[in-house]
Amino acid sequence: MRNKLISSLAGAAFSFAGSGLALAADMAVKAPPPPPPAPVYSWTGWYVGGNVGYSWGDAHTDIAGSGESTSFNLFLLPPNPPATFAGSHTDGLTGVIGGGQLGYNYQVGPQWVLG
């Protein structure tokens, strides 16, 4: 029994010694430097802009009706006869429009921009 105990202890000692040697052979390696942080986008600054538009079309209006004059007749003349009227009108809506913008924006926080 004593030989078994000695051989077990010797086996355990060699196991620990072998594992310690293996760890001692590994060199510590520095971690690579972290990548640079992504640039933070900012809306702060001047801006210039422009726009242009074009429209084409026609607006067509027809009107028809009749009516009586209800004005006060000071001279007691006979009343005006009922009037009928009719009309038609067409407007061309063709044209160009444009404009421009100039301004300054200031970004207060990640979600707020004053301008």
PDB file of N, CA and C in Angstrom:
ATOM      1  N   MET A   1       0.813  -1.179   0.000  1.00  0.00           N
ATOM      2  CA  MET A   1       0.000   0.000   0.000  1.00  0.00           C
ATOM      3  C   MET A   1       0.865   1.254   0.000  1.00  0.00           C
ATOM      4  N   ARG A   2       1.979   1.158   0.667  1.00  0.00           N
ATOM      5  CA  ARG A   2       2.860   2.301   0.729  1.00  0.00           C
ATOM      6  C   ARG A   2       3.394   2.626  -0.653  1.00  0.00           C
ATOM      7  N   ASN A   3       3.715   1.594  -1.450  1.00  0.00           N
ATOM      8  CA  ASN A   3       4.222   1.847  -2.802  1.00  0.00           C
ATOM      9  C   ASN A   3       3.163   2.514  -3.678  1.00  0.00           C
ATOM     10  N   LYS A   4       1.930   2.117  -3.481  1.00  0.00           N
ATOM     11  CA  LYS A   4       0.848   2.742  -4.253  1.00  0.00           C
ATOM     12  C   LYS A   4       0.705   4.210  -3.885  1.00  0.00           C
ATOM     13  N   LEU A   5       0.808   4.491  -2.613  1.00  0.00           N
ATOM     14  CA  LEU A   5       0.669   5.869  -2.162  1.00  0.00           C
ATOM     15  C   LEU A   5       1.826   6.719  -2.694  1.00  0.00           C
ATOM     16  N   ILE A   6       3.040   6.185  -2.656  1.00  0.00           N
ATOM     17  CA  ILE A   6       4.201   6.928  -3.149  1.00  0.00           C
ATOM     18  C   ILE A   6       4.099   7.127  -4.655  1.00  0.00           C
ATOM     19  N   SER A   7       3.700   6.105  -5.368  1.00  0.00           N
ATOM     20  CA  SER A   7       3.594   6.248  -6.821  1.00  0.00           C
ATOM     21  C   SER A   7       2.468   7.218  -7.194  1.00  0.00           C
ATOM     22  N   SER A   8       1.391   7.244  -6.432  1.00  0.00           N
ATOM     23  CA  SER A   8       0.301   8.199  -6.708  1.00  0.00           C
ATOM     24  C   SER A   8       0.762   9.619  -6.449  1.00  0.00           C
ATOM     25  N   LEU A   9       1.455   9.824  -5.334  1.00  0.00           N
ATOM     26  CA  LEU A   9       1.945  11.164  -5.027  1.00  0.00           C
ATOM     27  C   LEU A   9       2.984  11.612  -6.042  1.00  0.00           C
ATOM     28  N   ALA A  10       3.847  10.683  -6.469  1.00  0.00           N
ATOM     29  CA  ALA A  10       4.855  11.024  -7.476  1.00  0.00           C
ATOM     30  C   ALA A  10       4.183  11.365  -8.805  1.00  0.00           C
ATOM     31  N   GLY A  11       3.146  10.618  -9.170  1.00  0.00           N
ATOM     32  CA  GLY A  11       2.418  10.906 -10.413  1.00  0.00           C
ATOM     33  C   GLY A  11       1.754  12.269 -10.362  1.00  0.00           C
ATOM     34  N   ALA A  12       1.163  12.589  -9.205  1.00  0.00           N
ATOM     35  CA  ALA A  12       0.513  13.893  -9.059  1.00  0.00           C
ATOM     36  C   ALA A  12       1.549  15.007  -9.120  1.00  0.00           C
ATOM     37  N   ALA A  13       2.699  14.809  -8.487  1.00  0.00           N
ATOM     38  CA  ALA A  13       3.742  15.827  -8.497  1.00  0.00           C
ATOM     39  C   ALA A  13       4.262  16.059  -9.906  1.00  0.00           C
ATOM     40  N   PHE A  14       4.486  14.980 -10.653  1.00  0.00           N
ATOM     41  CA  PHE A  14       4.944  15.150 -12.040  1.00  0.00           C
ATOM     42  C   PHE A  14       3.876  15.842 -12.907  1.00  0.00           C
ATOM     43  N   SER A  15       2.625  15.551 -12.630  1.00  0.00           N
ATOM     44  CA  SER A  15       1.546  16.207 -13.388  1.00  0.00           C
ATOM     45  C   SER A  15       1.548  17.717 -13.122  1.00  0.00           C
ATOM     46  N   PHE A  16       1.635  18.096 -11.850  1.00  0.00           N
ATOM     47  CA  PHE A  16       1.661  19.521 -11.516  1.00  0.00           C
ATOM     48  C   PHE A  16       2.903  20.196 -12.062  1.00  0.00           C
ATOM     49  N   ALA A  17       4.025  19.498 -11.990  1.00  0.00           N
ATOM     50  CA  ALA A  17       5.274  20.066 -12.497  1.00  0.00           C
ATOM     51  C   ALA A  17       5.212  20.249 -14.005  1.00  0.00           C
ATOM     52  N   GLY A  18       4.664  19.267 -14.693  1.00  0.00           N
ATOM     53  CA  GLY A  18       4.556  19.372 -16.151  1.00  0.00           C
ATOM     54  C   GLY A  18       3.616  20.490 -16.577  1.00  0.00           C
ATOM     55  N   SER A  19       2.531  20.645 -15.858  1.00  0.00           N
ATOM     56  CA  SER A  19       1.594  21.713 -16.225  1.00  0.00           C
ATOM     57  C   SER A  19       2.191  23.078 -15.914  1.00  0.00           C
ATOM     58  N   GLY A  20       2.958  23.198 -14.847  1.00  0.00           N
ATOM     59  CA  GLY A  20       3.601  24.465 -14.512  1.00  0.00           C
ATOM     60  C   GLY A  20       4.645  24.847 -15.538  1.00  0.00           C
ATOM     61  N   LEU A  21       5.368  23.883 -16.056  1.00  0.00           N
ATOM     62  CA  LEU A  21       6.365  24.172 -17.076  1.00  0.00           C
ATOM     63  C   LEU A  21       5.702  24.630 -18.370  1.00  0.00           C
ATOM     64  N   ALA A  22       4.577  24.005 -18.680  1.00  0.00           N
ATOM     65  CA  ALA A  22       3.889  24.395 -19.905  1.00  0.00           C
ATOM     66  C   ALA A  22       3.372  25.827 -19.798  1.00  0.00           C
ATOM     67  N   LEU A  23       2.890  26.227 -18.648  1.00  0.00           N
ATOM     68  CA  LEU A  23       2.405  27.596 -18.461  1.00  0.00           C
ATOM     69  C   LEU A  23       3.562  28.577 -18.451  1.00  0.00           C
ATOM     70  N   ALA A  24       4.699  28.157 -17.936  1.00  0.00           N
ATOM     71  CA  ALA A  24       5.834  29.066 -17.890  1.00  0.00           C
ATOM     72  C   ALA A  24       6.387  29.351 -19.276  1.00  0.00           C
ATOM     73  N   ALA A  25       6.158  28.474 -20.234  1.00  0.00           N
ATOM     74  CA  ALA A  25       6.693  28.682 -21.563  1.00  0.00           C
ATOM     75  C   ALA A  25       5.881  29.692 -22.365  1.00  0.00           C
ATOM     76  N   ASP A  26       4.634  29.917 -21.977  1.00  0.00           N
ATOM     77  CA  ASP A  26       3.791  30.871 -22.713  1.00  0.00           C
ATOM     78  C   ASP A  26       4.183  32.290 -22.351  1.00  0.00           C
ATOM     79  N   MET A  27       4.420  33.108 -23.387  1.00  0.00           N
ATOM     80  CA  MET A  27       4.765  34.500 -23.155  1.00  0.00           C
ATOM     81  C   MET A  27       3.491  35.342 -23.140  1.00  0.00           C
ATOM     82  N   ALA A  28       3.481  36.327 -22.293  1.00  0.00           N
ATOM     83  CA  ALA A  28       2.347  37.249 -22.256  1.00  0.00           C
ATOM     84  C   ALA A  28       2.427  38.158 -23.483  1.00  0.00           C
ATOM     85  N   VAL A  29       1.327  38.298 -24.188  1.00  0.00           N
ATOM     86  CA  VAL A  29       1.272  39.129 -25.394  1.00  0.00           C
ATOM     87  C   VAL A  29       0.358  40.320 -25.106  1.00  0.00           C
ATOM     88  N   LYS A  30       0.828  41.501 -25.494  1.00  0.00           N
ATOM     89  CA  LYS A  30      -0.008  42.691 -25.316  1.00  0.00           C
ATOM     90  C   LYS A  30      -1.215  42.611 -26.243  1.00  0.00           C
ATOM     91  N   ALA A  31      -2.330  43.072 -25.749  1.00  0.00           N
ATOM     92  CA  ALA A  31      -3.530  43.136 -26.579  1.00  0.00           C
ATOM     93  C   ALA A  31      -3.336  44.226 -27.628  1.00  0.00           C
ATOM     94  N   PRO A  32      -3.872  44.021 -28.824  1.00  0.00           N
ATOM     95  CA  PRO A  32      -3.737  45.076 -29.836  1.00  0.00           C
ATOM     96  C   PRO A  32      -4.468  46.332 -29.375  1.00  0.00           C
ATOM     97  N   PRO A  33      -4.004  47.485 -29.799  1.00  0.00           N
ATOM     98  CA  PRO A  33      -4.679  48.721 -29.375  1.00  0.00           C
ATOM     99  C   PRO A  33      -6.096  48.752 -29.937  1.00  0.00           C
ATOM    100  N   PRO A  34      -7.015  49.359 -29.199  1.00  0.00           N
ATOM    101  CA  PRO A  34      -8.395  49.428 -29.692  1.00  0.00           C
ATOM    102  C   PRO A  34      -8.463  50.312 -30.936  1.00  0.00           C
ATOM    103  N   PRO A  35      -9.419  50.030 -31.814  1.00  0.00           N
ATOM    104  CA  PRO A  35      -9.542  50.884 -33.013  1.00  0.00           C
ATOM    105  C   PRO A  35      -9.947  52.298 -32.609  1.00  0.00           C
ATOM    106  N   PRO A  36      -9.605  53.274 -33.422  1.00  0.00           N
ATOM    107  CA  PRO A  36      -9.991  54.654 -33.079  1.00  0.00           C
ATOM    108  C   PRO A  36     -11.515  54.770 -33.083  1.00  0.00           C
ATOM    109  N   PRO A  37     -12.042  55.624 -32.239  1.00  0.00           N
ATOM    110  CA  PRO A  37     -13.505  55.769 -32.203  1.00  0.00           C
ATOM    111  C   PRO A  37     -14.027  56.348 -33.517  1.00  0.00           C
ATOM    112  N   ALA A  38     -15.233  55.937 -33.845  1.00  0.00           N
ATOM    113  CA  ALA A  38     -15.864  56.446 -35.069  1.00  0.00           C
ATOM    114  C   ALA A  38     -16.105  57.944 -34.911  1.00  0.00           C
ATOM    115  N   PRO A  39     -15.911  58.725 -35.966  1.00  0.00           N
ATOM    116  CA  PRO A  39     -16.149  60.161 -35.853  1.00  0.00           C
ATOM    117  C   PRO A  39     -17.628  60.433 -35.583  1.00  0.00           C
ATOM    118  N   VAL A  40     -17.872  61.397 -34.724  1.00  0.00           N
ATOM    119  CA  VAL A  40     -19.241  61.766 -34.380  1.00  0.00           C
ATOM    120  C   VAL A  40     -19.702  62.824 -35.377  1.00  0.00           C
ATOM    121  N   TYR A  41     -20.827  62.563 -36.061  1.00  0.00           N
ATOM    122  CA  TYR A  41     -21.332  63.505 -37.042  1.00  0.00           C
ATOM    123  C   TYR A  41     -22.019  64.663 -36.337  1.00  0.00           C
ATOM    124  N   SER A  42     -21.819  65.857 -36.825  1.00  0.00           N
ATOM    125  CA  SER A  42     -22.419  67.047 -36.239  1.00  0.00           C
ATOM    126  C   SER A  42     -23.118  67.858 -37.325  1.00  0.00           C
ATOM    127  N   TRP A  43     -24.299  68.355 -37.004  1.00  0.00           N
ATOM    128  CA  TRP A  43     -25.050  69.215 -37.928  1.00  0.00           C
ATOM    129  C   TRP A  43     -24.688  70.685 -37.747  1.00  0.00           C
ATOM    130  N   THR A  44     -23.771  71.003 -36.852  1.00  0.00           N
ATOM    131  CA  THR A  44     -23.389  72.392 -36.605  1.00  0.00           C
ATOM    132  C   THR A  44     -22.638  72.957 -37.803  1.00  0.00           C
ATOM    133  N   GLY A  45     -23.055  74.135 -38.246  1.00  0.00           N
ATOM    134  CA  GLY A  45     -22.350  74.792 -39.339  1.00  0.00           C
ATOM    135  C   GLY A  45     -23.296  75.548 -40.263  1.00  0.00           C
ATOM    136  N   TRP A  46     -22.704  76.227 -41.220  1.00  0.00           N
ATOM    137  CA  TRP A  46     -23.447  77.012 -42.212  1.00  0.00           C
ATOM    138  C   TRP A  46     -23.982  76.102 -43.301  1.00  0.00           C
ATOM    139  N   TYR A  47     -25.066  76.511 -43.926  1.00  0.00           N
ATOM    140  CA  TYR A  47     -25.589  75.788 -45.086  1.00  0.00           C
ATOM    141  C   TYR A  47     -26.137  76.770 -46.108  1.00  0.00           C
ATOM    142  N   VAL A  48     -26.090  76.368 -47.350  1.00  0.00           N
ATOM    143  CA  VAL A  48     -26.628  77.128 -48.474  1.00  0.00           C
ATOM    144  C   VAL A  48     -27.434  76.144 -49.304  1.00  0.00           C
ATOM    145  N   GLY A  49     -28.604  76.566 -49.757  1.00  0.00           N
ATOM    146  CA  GLY A  49     -29.431  75.660 -50.555  1.00  0.00           C
ATOM    147  C   GLY A  49     -30.247  76.422 -51.566  1.00  0.00           C
ATOM    148  N   GLY A  50     -30.805  75.701 -52.482  1.00  0.00           N
ATOM    149  CA  GLY A  50     -31.653  76.300 -53.504  1.00  0.00           C
ATOM    150  C   GLY A  50     -32.730  75.330 -53.932  1.00  0.00           C
ATOM    151  N   ASN A  51     -33.742  75.863 -54.571  1.00  0.00           N
ATOM    152  CA  ASN A  51     -34.812  75.015 -55.094  1.00  0.00           C
ATOM    153  C   ASN A  51     -35.373  75.642 -56.355  1.00  0.00           C
ATOM    154  N   VAL A  52     -35.943  74.823 -57.177  1.00  0.00           N
ATOM    155  CA  VAL A  52     -36.592  75.280 -58.407  1.00  0.00           C
ATOM    156  C   VAL A  52     -37.744  74.330 -58.701  1.00  0.00           C
ATOM    157  N   GLY A  53     -38.813  74.872 -59.239  1.00  0.00           N
ATOM    158  CA  GLY A  53     -39.978  74.056 -59.576  1.00  0.00           C
ATOM    159  C   GLY A  53     -40.639  74.568 -60.842  1.00  0.00           C
ATOM    160  N   TYR A  54     -41.447  73.719 -61.444  1.00  0.00           N
ATOM    161  CA  TYR A  54     -42.157  74.073 -62.669  1.00  0.00           C
ATOM    162  C   TYR A  54     -43.565  73.523 -62.582  1.00  0.00           C
ATOM    163  N   SER A  55     -44.520  74.261 -63.052  1.00  0.00           N
ATOM    164  CA  SER A  55     -45.925  73.851 -63.023  1.00  0.00           C
ATOM    165  C   SER A  55     -46.533  74.045 -64.398  1.00  0.00           C
ATOM    166  N   TRP A  56     -47.428  73.151 -64.764  1.00  0.00           N
ATOM    167  CA  TRP A  56     -48.161  73.299 -66.003  1.00  0.00           C
ATOM    168  C   TRP A  56     -49.576  72.777 -65.794  1.00  0.00           C
ATOM    169  N   GLY A  57     -50.518  73.409 -66.467  1.00  0.00           N
ATOM    170  CA  GLY A  57     -51.912  72.998 -66.353  1.00  0.00           C
ATOM    171  C   GLY A  57     -52.830  74.166 -66.653  1.00  0.00           C
ATOM    172  N   ASP A  58     -54.122  73.898 -66.583  1.00  0.00           N
ATOM    173  CA  ASP A  58     -55.154  74.899 -66.829  1.00  0.00           C
ATOM    174  C   ASP A  58     -56.192  74.831 -65.723  1.00  0.00           C
ATOM    175  N   ALA A  59     -56.762  75.984 -65.362  1.00  0.00           N
ATOM    176  CA  ALA A  59     -57.891  76.058 -64.441  1.00  0.00           C
ATOM    177  C   ALA A  59     -59.065  76.593 -65.245  1.00  0.00           C
ATOM    178  N   HIS A  60     -60.104  75.784 -65.388  1.00  0.00           N
ATOM    179  CA  HIS A  60     -61.261  76.141 -66.201  1.00  0.00           C
ATOM    180  C   HIS A  60     -62.460  76.324 -65.271  1.00  0.00           C
ATOM    181  N   THR A  61     -63.133  77.484 -65.372  1.00  0.00           N
ATOM    182  CA  THR A  61     -64.268  77.796 -64.516  1.00  0.00           C
ATOM    183  C   THR A  61     -65.477  78.115 -65.381  1.00  0.00           C
ATOM    184  N   ASP A  62     -66.592  77.443 -65.098  1.00  0.00           N
ATOM    185  CA  ASP A  62     -67.885  77.741 -65.735  1.00  0.00           C
ATOM    186  C   ASP A  62     -68.848  78.165 -64.637  1.00  0.00           C
ATOM    187  N   ILE A  63     -69.646  79.206 -64.911  1.00  0.00           N
ATOM    188  CA  ILE A  63     -70.626  79.669 -63.949  1.00  0.00           C
ATOM    189  C   ILE A  63     -71.895  80.057 -64.700  1.00  0.00           C
ATOM    190  N   ALA A  64     -73.027  79.733 -64.113  1.00  0.00           N
ATOM    191  CA  ALA A  64     -74.315  80.092 -64.712  1.00  0.00           C
ATOM    192  C   ALA A  64     -75.329  80.247 -63.587  1.00  0.00           C
ATOM    193  N   GLY A  65     -76.307  81.131 -63.776  1.00  0.00           N
ATOM    194  CA  GLY A  65     -77.322  81.319 -62.746  1.00  0.00           C
ATOM    195  C   GLY A  65     -78.293  82.415 -63.132  1.00  0.00           C
ATOM    196  N   SER A  66     -79.194  82.666 -62.216  1.00  0.00           N
ATOM    197  CA  SER A  66     -80.155  83.747 -62.414  1.00  0.00           C
ATOM    198  C   SER A  66     -80.488  84.331 -61.054  1.00  0.00           C
ATOM    199  N   GLY A  67     -81.052  85.521 -61.055  1.00  0.00           N
ATOM    200  CA  GLY A  67     -81.399  86.156 -59.793  1.00  0.00           C
ATOM    201  C   GLY A  67     -82.193  87.419 -60.019  1.00  0.00           C
ATOM    202  N   GLU A  68     -82.774  87.926 -58.958  1.00  0.00           N
ATOM    203  CA  GLU A  68     -83.545  89.159 -59.004  1.00  0.00           C
ATOM    204  C   GLU A  68     -82.844  90.212 -58.183  1.00  0.00           C
ATOM    205  N   SER A  69     -83.007  91.434 -58.608  1.00  0.00           N
ATOM    206  CA  SER A  69     -82.461  92.540 -57.855  1.00  0.00           C
ATOM    207  C   SER A  69     -83.409  92.843 -56.714  1.00  0.00           C
ATOM    208  N   THR A  70     -82.879  92.921 -55.501  1.00  0.00           N
ATOM    209  CA  THR A  70     -83.715  93.246 -54.337  1.00  0.00           C
ATOM    210  C   THR A  70     -83.325  94.599 -53.760  1.00  0.00           C
ATOM    211  N   SER A  71     -82.742  95.452 -54.587  1.00  0.00           N
ATOM    212  CA  SER A  71     -82.316  96.752 -54.086  1.00  0.00           C
ATOM    213  C   SER A  71     -83.542  97.648 -53.849  1.00  0.00           C
ATOM    214  N   PHE A  72     -83.370  98.587 -52.954  1.00  0.00           N
ATOM    215  CA  PHE A  72     -84.447  99.531 -52.630  1.00  0.00           C
ATOM    216  C   PHE A  72     -84.646 100.492 -53.791  1.00  0.00           C
ATOM    217  N   ASN A  73     -85.900 100.623 -54.236  1.00  0.00           N
ATOM    218  CA  ASN A  73     -86.222 101.469 -55.375  1.00  0.00           C
ATOM    219  C   ASN A  73     -86.707 102.806 -54.830  1.00  0.00           C
ATOM    220  N   LEU A  74     -85.811 103.786 -54.807  1.00  0.00           N
ATOM    221  CA  LEU A  74     -86.115 105.092 -54.237  1.00  0.00           C
ATOM    222  C   LEU A  74     -87.137 105.861 -55.069  1.00  0.00           C
ATOM    223  N   PHE A  75     -87.097 105.689 -56.382  1.00  0.00           N
ATOM    224  CA  PHE A  75     -87.958 106.492 -57.253  1.00  0.00           C
ATOM    225  C   PHE A  75     -89.219 105.756 -57.650  1.00  0.00           C
ATOM    226  N   LEU A  76     -89.523 104.654 -57.021  1.00  0.00           N
ATOM    227  CA  LEU A  76     -90.717 103.854 -57.285  1.00  0.00           C
ATOM    228  C   LEU A  76     -90.837 103.473 -58.752  1.00  0.00           C
ATOM    229  N   LEU A  77     -89.719 103.118 -59.315  1.00  0.00           N
ATOM    230  CA  LEU A  77     -89.693 102.641 -60.699  1.00  0.00           C
ATOM    231  C   LEU A  77     -90.053 101.182 -60.718  1.00  0.00           C
ATOM    232  N   PRO A  78     -90.445 100.674 -61.863  1.00  0.00           N
ATOM    233  CA  PRO A  78     -90.762  99.251 -61.916  1.00  0.00           C
ATOM    234  C   PRO A  78     -89.510  98.422 -61.576  1.00  0.00           C
ATOM    235  N   PRO A  79     -89.693  97.289 -60.910  1.00  0.00           N
ATOM    236  CA  PRO A  79     -88.534  96.477 -60.516  1.00  0.00           C
ATOM    237  C   PRO A  79     -87.803  95.938 -61.736  1.00  0.00           C
ATOM    238  N   ASN A  80     -86.537  95.680 -61.560  1.00  0.00           N
ATOM    239  CA  ASN A  80     -85.733  95.117 -62.645  1.00  0.00           C
ATOM    240  C   ASN A  80     -86.189  93.685 -62.932  1.00  0.00           C
ATOM    241  N   PRO A  81     -86.157  93.302 -64.179  1.00  0.00           N
ATOM    242  CA  PRO A  81     -86.548  91.927 -64.494  1.00  0.00           C
ATOM    243  C   PRO A  81     -85.481  90.957 -63.984  1.00  0.00           C
ATOM    244  N   PRO A  82     -85.839  89.692 -63.779  1.00  0.00           N
ATOM    245  CA  PRO A  82     -84.841  88.708 -63.330  1.00  0.00           C
ATOM    246  C   PRO A  82     -83.680  88.663 -64.315  1.00  0.00           C
ATOM    247  N   ALA A  83     -82.476  88.563 -63.772  1.00  0.00           N
ATOM    248  CA  ALA A  83     -81.270  88.554 -64.606  1.00  0.00           C
ATOM    249  C   ALA A  83     -80.722  87.137 -64.680  1.00  0.00           C
ATOM    250  N   THR A  84     -80.282  86.760 -65.831  1.00  0.00           N
ATOM    251  CA  THR A  84     -79.582  85.475 -65.997  1.00  0.00           C
ATOM    252  C   THR A  84     -78.149  85.790 -66.404  1.00  0.00           C
ATOM    253  N   PHE A  85     -77.270  84.947 -65.976  1.00  0.00           N
ATOM    254  CA  PHE A  85     -75.875  85.166 -66.324  1.00  0.00           C
ATOM    255  C   PHE A  85     -75.190  83.819 -66.540  1.00  0.00           C
ATOM    256  N   ALA A  86     -74.162  83.891 -67.354  1.00  0.00           N
ATOM    257  CA  ALA A  86     -73.341  82.710 -67.626  1.00  0.00           C
ATOM    258  C   ALA A  86     -71.951  83.198 -67.988  1.00  0.00           C
ATOM    259  N   GLY A  87     -70.957  82.391 -67.661  1.00  0.00           N
ATOM    260  CA  GLY A  87     -69.597  82.782 -67.990  1.00  0.00           C
ATOM    261  C   GLY A  87     -68.668  81.577 -67.957  1.00  0.00           C
ATOM    262  N   SER A  88     -67.568  81.772 -68.602  1.00  0.00           N
ATOM    263  CA  SER A  88     -66.552  80.732 -68.645  1.00  0.00           C
ATOM    264  C   SER A  88     -65.196  81.413 -68.679  1.00  0.00           C
ATOM    265  N   HIS A  89     -64.264  80.842 -67.947  1.00  0.00           N
ATOM    266  CA  HIS A  89     -62.934  81.445 -67.901  1.00  0.00           C
ATOM    267  C   HIS A  89     -61.894  80.342 -67.755  1.00  0.00           C
ATOM    268  N   THR A  90     -60.794  80.497 -68.458  1.00  0.00           N
ATOM    269  CA  THR A  90     -59.692  79.532 -68.366  1.00  0.00           C
ATOM    270  C   THR A  90     -58.404  80.286 -68.068  1.00  0.00           C
ATOM    271  N   ASP A  91     -57.679  79.823 -67.054  1.00  0.00           N
ATOM    272  CA  ASP A  91     -56.373  80.394 -66.699  1.00  0.00           C
ATOM    273  C   ASP A  91     -55.296  79.348 -66.952  1.00  0.00           C
ATOM    274  N   GLY A  92     -54.218  79.774 -67.562  1.00  0.00           N
ATOM    275  CA  GLY A  92     -53.057  78.897 -67.726  1.00  0.00           C
ATOM    276  C   GLY A  92     -52.195  78.943 -66.472  1.00  0.00           C
ATOM    277  N   LEU A  93     -51.868  77.795 -65.942  1.00  0.00           N
ATOM    278  CA  LEU A  93     -51.090  77.730 -64.709  1.00  0.00           C
ATOM    279  C   LEU A  93     -49.666  77.250 -64.972  1.00  0.00           C
ATOM    280  N   THR A  94     -49.088  77.715 -66.039  1.00  0.00           N
ATOM    281  CA  THR A  94     -47.757  77.280 -66.412  1.00  0.00           C
ATOM    282  C   THR A  94     -46.738  78.302 -65.936  1.00  0.00           C
ATOM    283  N   GLY A  95     -45.643  77.825 -65.307  1.00  0.00           N
ATOM    284  CA  GLY A  95     -44.621  78.756 -64.867  1.00  0.00           C
ATOM    285  C   GLY A  95     -43.522  78.086 -64.074  1.00  0.00           C
ATOM    286  N   VAL A  96     -42.494  78.873 -63.807  1.00  0.00           N
ATOM    287  CA  VAL A  96     -41.328  78.417 -63.058  1.00  0.00           C
ATOM    288  C   VAL A  96     -41.259  79.220 -61.764  1.00  0.00           C
ATOM    289  N   ILE A  97     -40.844  78.552 -60.692  1.00  0.00           N
ATOM    290  CA  ILE A  97     -40.641  79.231 -59.417  1.00  0.00           C
ATOM    291  C   ILE A  97     -39.349  78.712 -58.805  1.00  0.00           C
ATOM    292  N   GLY A  98     -38.662  79.565 -58.071  1.00  0.00           N
ATOM    293  CA  GLY A  98     -37.406  79.149 -57.444  1.00  0.00           C
ATOM    294  C   GLY A  98     -37.124  79.967 -56.215  1.00  0.00           C
ATOM    295  N   GLY A  99     -36.136  79.531 -55.464  1.00  0.00           N
ATOM    296  CA  GLY A  99     -35.773  80.251 -54.256  1.00  0.00           C
ATOM    297  C   GLY A  99     -34.447  79.757 -53.714  1.00  0.00           C
ATOM    298  N   GLY A 100     -34.032  80.355 -52.623  1.00  0.00           N
ATOM    299  CA  GLY A 100     -32.764  79.971 -52.012  1.00  0.00           C
ATOM    300  C   GLY A 100     -32.833  80.081 -50.504  1.00  0.00           C
ATOM    301  N   GLN A 101     -31.922  79.382 -49.857  1.00  0.00           N
ATOM    302  CA  GLN A 101     -31.841  79.401 -48.402  1.00  0.00           C
ATOM    303  C   GLN A 101     -30.386  79.597 -47.994  1.00  0.00           C
ATOM    304  N   LEU A 102     -30.196  80.288 -46.881  1.00  0.00           N
ATOM    305  CA  LEU A 102     -28.890  80.470 -46.276  1.00  0.00           C
ATOM    306  C   LEU A 102     -29.132  80.467 -44.781  1.00  0.00           C
ATOM    307  N   GLY A 103     -28.337  79.711 -44.027  1.00  0.00           N
ATOM    308  CA  GLY A 103     -28.570  79.669 -42.594  1.00  0.00           C
ATOM    309  C   GLY A 103     -27.442  79.002 -41.844  1.00  0.00           C
ATOM    310  N   TYR A 104     -27.649  78.888 -40.523  1.00  0.00           N
ATOM    311  CA  TYR A 104     -26.664  78.281 -39.637  1.00  0.00           C
ATOM    312  C   TYR A 104     -27.399  77.344 -38.681  1.00  0.00           C
ATOM    313  N   ASN A 105     -26.884  76.143 -38.511  1.00  0.00           N
ATOM    314  CA  ASN A 105     -27.432  75.173 -37.569  1.00  0.00           C
ATOM    315  C   ASN A 105     -26.472  74.990 -36.411  1.00  0.00           C
ATOM    316  N   TYR A 106     -27.035  74.738 -35.219  1.00  0.00           N
ATOM    317  CA  TYR A 106     -26.227  74.430 -34.042  1.00  0.00           C
ATOM    318  C   TYR A 106     -26.802  73.180 -33.389  1.00  0.00           C
ATOM    319  N   GLN A 107     -25.989  72.140 -33.292  1.00  0.00           N
ATOM    320  CA  GLN A 107     -26.444  70.889 -32.694  1.00  0.00           C
ATOM    321  C   GLN A 107     -26.227  70.956 -31.190  1.00  0.00           C
ATOM    322  N   VAL A 108     -27.334  70.911 -30.424  1.00  0.00           N
ATOM    323  CA  VAL A 108     -27.288  71.031 -28.979  1.00  0.00           C
ATOM    324  C   VAL A 108     -26.932  69.692 -28.341  1.00  0.00           C
ATOM    325  N   GLY A 109     -27.543  68.640 -28.783  1.00  0.00           N
ATOM    326  CA  GLY A 109     -27.308  67.299 -28.252  1.00  0.00           C
ATOM    327  C   GLY A 109     -27.358  66.317 -29.395  1.00  0.00           C
ATOM    328  N   PRO A 110     -27.369  65.029 -29.067  1.00  0.00           N
ATOM    329  CA  PRO A 110     -27.394  64.055 -30.170  1.00  0.00           C
ATOM    330  C   PRO A 110     -28.704  64.067 -30.957  1.00  0.00           C
ATOM    331  N   GLN A 111     -29.774  64.641 -30.382  1.00  0.00           N
ATOM    332  CA  GLN A 111     -31.064  64.603 -31.069  1.00  0.00           C
ATOM    333  C   GLN A 111     -31.659  65.987 -31.330  1.00  0.00           C
ATOM    334  N   TRP A 112     -30.994  67.069 -30.978  1.00  0.00           N
ATOM    335  CA  TRP A 112     -31.572  68.410 -31.120  1.00  0.00           C
ATOM    336  C   TRP A 112     -30.660  69.303 -31.934  1.00  0.00           C
ATOM    337  N   VAL A 113     -31.252  69.990 -32.911  1.00  0.00           N
ATOM    338  CA  VAL A 113     -30.531  70.933 -33.758  1.00  0.00           C
ATOM    339  C   VAL A 113     -31.329  72.231 -33.785  1.00  0.00           C
ATOM    340  N   LEU A 114     -30.669  73.339 -33.480  1.00  0.00           N
ATOM    341  CA  LEU A 114     -31.296  74.658 -33.581  1.00  0.00           C
ATOM    342  C   LEU A 114     -30.779  75.324 -34.841  1.00  0.00           C
ATOM    343  N   GLY A 115     -31.679  75.979 -35.570  1.00  0.00           N
ATOM    344  CA  GLY A 115     -31.229  76.602 -36.809  1.00  0.00           C
ATOM    345  C   GLY A 115     -32.109  77.730 -37.233  1.00  0.00           C
TER     346      GLY A 115
END
